[in-house]
Amino acid sequence: MLKFPAPFANAIFVCTNKRPDGHPKPCCADRGGLKLRDELKNMVREKGLESQLRVFQSGCLGGCERGVMAVKYPAGELMMDLKQEDLQKILDEATGD
């Protein structure tokens, strides 16, 4: 195993989990998780903040009933019911603006 410092200070994982059709629980994929992940990732790229923040997709983070989920590291914050209007605030908080 190789270990080395990560080339970024913060990471946000946005759930893009897709449950099978007909599953009794909702999923972030059907609620726009992938679109939100892509938009946040593009915002980071456009502002040249890749050394401060990386955006990744994740599997299920639990709490599916509460809308699209995301988790921020190293802060360890779980964000629920993520919407497009939340993305700028998330970016500002993660980069110290």
Protein backbone atom coordinates (compact mmCIF):
# COMPACT_ATOMS: atom_id res chain seq x y z
CA MET A 1 0.00 0.00 0.00
CA LEU A 2 1.20 3.49 -0.86
CA LYS A 3 0.16 6.51 1.17
CA PHE A 4 0.63 10.15 0.33
CA PRO A 5 -1.14 13.45 1.07
CA ALA A 6 -4.29 14.06 -0.92
CA PRO A 7 -3.94 16.83 -3.52
CA PHE A 8 -7.04 18.59 -2.13
CA ALA A 9 -8.13 19.76 1.32
CA ASN A 10 -11.85 18.95 1.20
CA ALA A 11 -14.07 16.39 -0.49
CA ILE A 12 -17.80 16.24 -1.03
CA PHE A 13 -19.48 12.96 -1.90
CA VAL A 14 -22.92 13.35 -3.50
CA CYS A 15 -25.13 10.29 -3.52
CA THR A 16 -26.04 9.09 -7.01
CA ASN A 17 -27.36 5.70 -5.91
CA LYS A 18 -30.01 4.16 -8.18
CA ARG A 19 -32.44 1.68 -6.69
CA PRO A 20 -34.23 -0.85 -8.90
CA ASP A 21 -37.52 0.29 -10.41
CA GLY A 22 -40.40 -0.51 -8.07
CA HIS A 23 -38.22 -0.40 -4.93
CA PRO A 24 -40.24 0.87 -1.95
CA LYS A 25 -37.58 3.44 -0.94
CA PRO A 26 -36.71 6.51 -3.00
CA CYS A 27 -33.19 7.06 -4.33
CA CYS A 28 -30.93 10.03 -4.97
CA ALA A 29 -30.48 9.14 -8.65
CA ASP A 30 -34.21 9.63 -9.28
CA ARG A 31 -34.13 12.91 -7.33
CA GLY A 32 -31.34 14.53 -9.34
CA GLY A 33 -28.22 13.45 -7.43
CA LEU A 34 -26.10 12.99 -10.55
CA LYS A 35 -27.09 16.39 -11.96
CA LEU A 36 -26.28 18.10 -8.65
CA ARG A 37 -22.92 16.30 -8.45
CA ASP A 38 -22.07 17.33 -12.01
CA GLU A 39 -23.08 20.94 -11.42
CA LEU A 40 -21.05 21.25 -8.21
CA LYS A 41 -18.07 19.60 -9.91
CA ASN A 42 -18.32 22.09 -12.80
CA MET A 43 -18.49 25.02 -10.36
CA VAL A 44 -15.28 23.83 -8.70
CA ARG A 45 -13.56 23.44 -12.07
CA GLU A 46 -14.73 26.83 -13.38
CA LYS A 47 -13.41 28.61 -10.28
CA GLY A 48 -10.09 26.71 -10.36
CA LEU A 49 -10.62 25.26 -6.89
CA GLU A 50 -9.54 21.66 -7.56
CA SER A 51 -6.69 21.94 -5.02
CA GLN A 52 -9.18 22.96 -2.32
CA LEU A 53 -12.19 20.79 -3.10
CA ARG A 54 -13.01 17.65 -5.04
CA VAL A 55 -16.50 16.41 -5.76
CA PHE A 56 -17.21 12.70 -6.06
CA GLN A 57 -20.26 10.51 -6.45
CA SER A 58 -21.12 7.98 -3.79
CA GLY A 59 -23.42 5.09 -3.18
CA CYS A 60 -26.25 5.27 -0.68
CA LEU A 61 -25.57 7.47 2.34
CA GLY A 62 -28.82 6.54 4.11
CA GLY A 63 -31.70 8.89 4.79
CA CYS A 64 -33.12 8.48 1.30
CA GLU A 65 -36.50 9.77 2.43
CA ARG A 66 -34.94 13.20 3.04
CA GLY A 67 -33.93 13.94 -0.55
CA VAL A 68 -30.52 13.96 -2.20
CA MET A 69 -27.76 13.33 0.33
CA ALA A 70 -24.13 14.46 0.42
CA VAL A 71 -21.30 14.25 2.93
CA LYS A 72 -18.41 16.68 3.36
CA TYR A 73 -14.95 15.64 4.55
CA PRO A 74 -12.92 16.27 6.62
CA ALA A 75 -15.75 18.18 8.35
CA GLY A 76 -17.86 15.01 8.49
CA GLU A 77 -21.09 16.89 7.73
CA LEU A 78 -24.04 15.02 6.31
CA MET A 79 -26.23 17.21 4.11
CA MET A 80 -29.82 16.19 3.41
CA ASP A 81 -32.37 17.40 0.86
CA LEU A 82 -29.65 18.93 -1.31
CA LYS A 83 -30.95 21.30 -3.97
CA GLN A 84 -29.38 23.38 -6.75
CA GLU A 85 -29.73 26.58 -4.71
CA ASP A 86 -27.54 25.02 -1.97
CA LEU A 87 -24.50 24.45 -4.19
CA GLN A 88 -22.93 27.92 -3.98
CA LYS A 89 -23.19 27.91 -0.17
CA ILE A 90 -21.59 24.45 -0.03
CA LEU A 91 -18.78 25.65 -2.29
CA ASP A 92 -18.23 28.79 -0.20
CA GLU A 93 -18.14 26.83 3.08
CA ALA A 94 -15.78 24.19 1.75
CA THR A 95 -13.30 26.75 0.39
CA GLY A 96 -13.52 29.22 3.27
CA ASP A 97 -15.16 32.02 1.29
